[in-house]
């Protein structure tokens, strides 16, 4: 199955780079892990993959910041009560944690899709936000891409040794560890929310 996916990606690289960019514009996630795996397997090239992830995350953050700055209050008034309350909690997280929020907000499950929107609504200047945003993007894309790359190298070595059954098992184990890590981040986020109530 892994080989079939590899072959499809090799045949449709430009489409995959576009999908990576688009996904990274829409939300942050553990996608760079999978990109790292496919770079090691030589299905994707490292340069275009990294550019697609970094530029997608940057464009997405700029759009969310601009929307928050220009239309934040209008959007907040038009949201249903439940969503408005949730966004209010996210804004309080930013007010409480400031710089740490910008550096860490990219991956908690309930925040990542709108993470920068509250920053745009705040009094933080764009020039102060910009380097923090870039640092956050480089930090998280770098960590997850490196993790995927290391995992991909391990899988490649196993495939070379004809241990093809073990590779999917390791992928499942890694996904389980990734899920556990995200749940841990969510738990920390819930603790932070309780602290600011």
Protein backbone atom coordinates (compact mmCIF):
# COMPACT_ATOMS: atom_id res chain seq x y z
CA UNK A 1 0.00 0.00 0.00
CA UNK A 2 2.83 2.40 0.90
CA UNK A 3 4.44 1.74 -2.49
CA UNK A 4 1.15 2.49 -4.29
CA UNK A 5 0.84 5.83 -2.49
CA UNK A 6 4.48 6.62 -3.28
CA UNK A 7 3.96 5.93 -6.98
CA UNK A 8 0.81 8.06 -7.11
CA UNK A 9 2.59 10.96 -5.39
CA UNK A 10 5.56 10.68 -7.77
CA UNK A 11 3.19 10.83 -10.74
CA UNK A 12 1.29 13.86 -9.36
CA UNK A 13 3.97 15.89 -7.57
CA UNK A 14 2.76 19.34 -8.68
CA UNK A 15 -0.77 18.55 -7.53
CA UNK A 16 0.58 17.28 -4.19
CA UNK A 17 2.64 20.46 -3.63
CA UNK A 18 -0.49 22.52 -4.33
CA UNK A 19 -2.51 20.39 -1.89
CA UNK A 20 0.20 20.76 0.77
CA UNK A 21 0.18 24.55 0.32
CA UNK A 22 -3.64 24.72 0.41
CA UNK A 23 -3.91 22.53 3.50
CA UNK A 24 -1.29 24.60 5.31
CA UNK A 25 -3.21 27.80 4.42
CA UNK A 26 -6.42 26.38 5.86
CA UNK A 27 -5.01 24.97 9.09
CA UNK A 28 -1.90 23.78 10.83
CA UNK A 29 -1.59 20.13 11.56
CA UNK A 30 0.82 17.24 11.61
CA UNK A 31 0.93 17.21 7.78
CA UNK A 32 4.70 18.01 7.78
CA UNK A 33 5.31 14.60 9.39
CA UNK A 34 3.86 12.86 6.34
CA UNK A 35 5.67 15.22 3.99
CA UNK A 36 8.95 14.29 5.71
CA UNK A 37 8.20 10.59 5.24
CA UNK A 38 7.51 11.05 1.52
CA UNK A 39 10.62 13.22 1.05
CA UNK A 40 12.78 10.41 2.44
CA UNK A 41 11.08 7.91 0.15
CA UNK A 42 11.92 10.32 -2.73
CA UNK A 43 8.28 10.70 -3.73
CA UNK A 44 8.55 14.44 -3.00
CA UNK A 45 11.46 16.84 -3.38
CA UNK A 46 12.60 18.56 -0.18
CA UNK A 47 12.79 22.13 -1.58
CA UNK A 48 9.28 22.43 -3.05
CA UNK A 49 7.79 20.54 -0.09
CA UNK A 50 9.31 22.88 2.49
CA UNK A 51 8.39 25.96 0.44
CA UNK A 52 4.78 24.73 0.11
CA UNK A 53 4.46 24.12 3.87
CA UNK A 54 6.12 27.35 5.02
CA UNK A 55 4.43 29.61 2.47
CA UNK A 56 1.03 27.97 3.07
CA UNK A 57 1.28 28.46 6.82
CA UNK A 58 2.46 32.06 6.34
CA UNK A 59 -0.33 32.97 3.90
CA UNK A 60 -2.93 31.38 6.18
CA UNK A 61 -1.67 33.33 9.19
CA UNK A 62 -1.64 36.60 7.27
CA UNK A 63 -5.23 36.06 6.08
CA UNK A 64 -6.45 35.24 9.60
CA UNK A 65 -4.57 38.19 11.10
CA UNK A 66 -5.98 40.56 8.47
CA UNK A 67 -9.54 39.22 8.93
CA UNK A 68 -9.24 39.66 12.69
CA UNK A 69 -7.84 43.17 12.34
CA UNK A 70 -10.30 44.41 9.71
CA UNK A 71 -13.51 42.49 10.43
CA UNK A 72 -13.01 40.87 13.85
CA UNK A 73 -15.68 42.79 15.75
CA UNK A 74 -18.23 42.44 12.93
CA UNK A 75 -17.57 38.70 12.64
CA UNK A 76 -17.84 38.24 16.44
CA UNK A 77 -21.25 39.98 16.51
CA UNK A 78 -22.62 37.80 13.71
CA UNK A 79 -21.45 34.45 15.13
CA UNK A 80 -23.87 32.14 16.96
CA UNK A 81 -23.56 32.37 20.76
CA UNK A 82 -21.72 29.05 21.15
CA UNK A 83 -19.12 29.89 18.55
CA UNK A 84 -18.77 33.44 19.86
CA UNK A 85 -18.12 32.09 23.39
CA UNK A 86 -15.53 29.64 22.06
CA UNK A 87 -13.75 32.40 20.14
CA UNK A 88 -13.91 34.57 23.26
CA UNK A 89 -12.12 31.83 25.22
CA UNK A 90 -9.48 31.65 22.51
CA UNK A 91 -9.01 35.41 22.76
CA UNK A 92 -8.62 35.14 26.55
CA UNK A 93 -5.97 32.45 26.01
CA UNK A 94 -4.06 34.92 23.84
CA UNK A 95 -4.49 37.73 26.36
CA UNK A 96 -3.29 35.46 29.16
CA UNK A 97 -0.32 33.84 27.40
CA UNK A 98 0.65 36.49 24.80
CA UNK A 99 3.86 35.55 22.99
CA UNK A 100 3.68 31.92 24.18
CA UNK A 101 0.20 31.66 22.61
CA UNK A 102 1.54 32.74 19.22
CA UNK A 103 4.42 30.27 19.42
CA UNK A 104 2.27 27.35 20.61
CA UNK A 105 -1.22 27.90 19.18
CA UNK A 106 -0.50 26.20 15.88
CA UNK A 107 -1.22 22.64 17.00
CA UNK A 108 -3.85 22.36 19.76
CA UNK A 109 -6.84 20.74 18.05
CA UNK A 110 -9.56 23.24 18.91
CA UNK A 111 -7.51 26.37 18.24
CA UNK A 112 -5.36 25.72 15.20
CA UNK A 113 -7.88 26.61 12.48
CA UNK A 114 -8.42 30.17 13.74
CA UNK A 115 -5.33 30.58 15.92
CA UNK A 116 -4.19 33.95 14.59
CA UNK A 117 -7.65 35.54 14.27
CA UNK A 118 -7.72 36.70 17.94
CA UNK A 119 -4.23 38.16 17.56
CA UNK A 120 -5.52 40.30 14.68
CA UNK A 121 -8.30 41.55 16.94
CA UNK A 122 -5.86 42.49 19.70
CA UNK A 123 -3.80 45.64 20.08
CA UNK A 124 -0.60 43.81 19.05
CA UNK A 125 0.99 45.57 16.09
CA UNK A 126 1.59 43.70 12.86
CA UNK A 127 5.34 44.42 13.10
CA UNK A 128 5.48 42.76 16.52
CA UNK A 129 3.34 39.84 15.38
CA UNK A 130 5.27 39.14 12.14
CA UNK A 131 8.56 37.83 13.62
CA UNK A 132 6.66 35.79 16.21
CA UNK A 133 4.50 34.28 13.47
CA UNK A 134 7.54 33.40 11.37
CA UNK A 135 9.30 31.87 14.41
CA UNK A 136 6.21 29.78 15.18
CA UNK A 137 5.93 28.53 11.60
CA UNK A 138 9.62 27.64 11.42
CA UNK A 139 9.51 25.96 14.82
CA UNK A 140 6.50 23.72 14.21
CA UNK A 141 7.04 22.91 10.55
CA UNK A 142 10.70 22.19 11.36
CA UNK A 143 9.90 19.90 14.30
CA UNK A 144 7.21 17.92 12.51
CA UNK A 145 9.09 17.71 9.20
CA UNK A 146 12.24 16.49 10.99
CA UNK A 147 10.18 13.93 12.89
CA UNK A 148 8.68 12.64 9.64
CA UNK A 149 12.08 12.58 7.98
CA UNK A 150 13.59 10.50 10.79
CA UNK A 151 10.60 8.15 10.76
CA UNK A 152 10.83 7.88 6.96
CA UNK A 153 14.52 7.00 7.15
CA UNK A 154 13.71 4.22 9.62
CA UNK A 155 10.97 2.92 7.34
CA UNK A 156 13.33 3.03 4.33
CA UNK A 157 15.94 0.98 6.17
CA UNK A 158 13.31 -1.57 7.13
CA UNK A 159 12.04 -1.78 3.55
CA UNK A 160 15.59 -2.32 2.31
CA UNK A 161 15.89 -5.22 4.73
CA UNK A 162 12.64 -6.67 3.37
CA UNK A 163 10.79 -6.09 6.61
CA UNK A 164 7.79 -4.71 4.77
CA UNK A 165 5.32 -5.89 7.39
CA UNK A 166 7.08 -3.93 10.12
CA UNK A 167 6.89 -0.58 8.27
CA UNK A 168 3.09 -0.21 8.43
CA UNK A 169 3.20 -1.31 12.06
CA UNK A 170 5.75 1.42 12.83
CA UNK A 171 3.63 3.94 10.97
CA UNK A 172 0.61 2.96 13.08
CA UNK A 173 2.73 3.19 16.25
CA UNK A 174 3.96 6.63 15.21
CA UNK A 175 0.45 7.83 14.41
CA UNK A 176 -0.64 6.56 17.83
CA UNK A 177 2.19 8.49 19.49
CA UNK A 178 1.27 11.58 17.47
CA UNK A 179 -2.36 11.25 18.54
CA UNK A 180 -1.28 10.86 22.17
CA UNK A 181 0.91 13.97 21.86
CA UNK A 182 -1.96 16.02 20.42
CA UNK A 183 -4.28 14.82 23.19
CA UNK A 184 -1.67 15.93 25.73
CA UNK A 185 -1.56 19.37 24.11
CA UNK A 186 -5.37 19.50 24.20
CA UNK A 187 -5.28 18.64 27.91
CA UNK A 188 -2.80 21.44 28.58
CA UNK A 189 -5.04 23.78 26.59
CA UNK A 190 -8.04 22.82 28.73
CA UNK A 191 -6.02 23.49 31.88
CA UNK A 192 -5.08 26.91 30.49
CA UNK A 193 -8.74 27.64 29.71
CA UNK A 194 -9.71 26.76 33.29
CA UNK A 195 -6.96 29.06 34.56
CA UNK A 196 -8.37 32.07 32.69
CA UNK A 197 -12.06 31.55 33.56
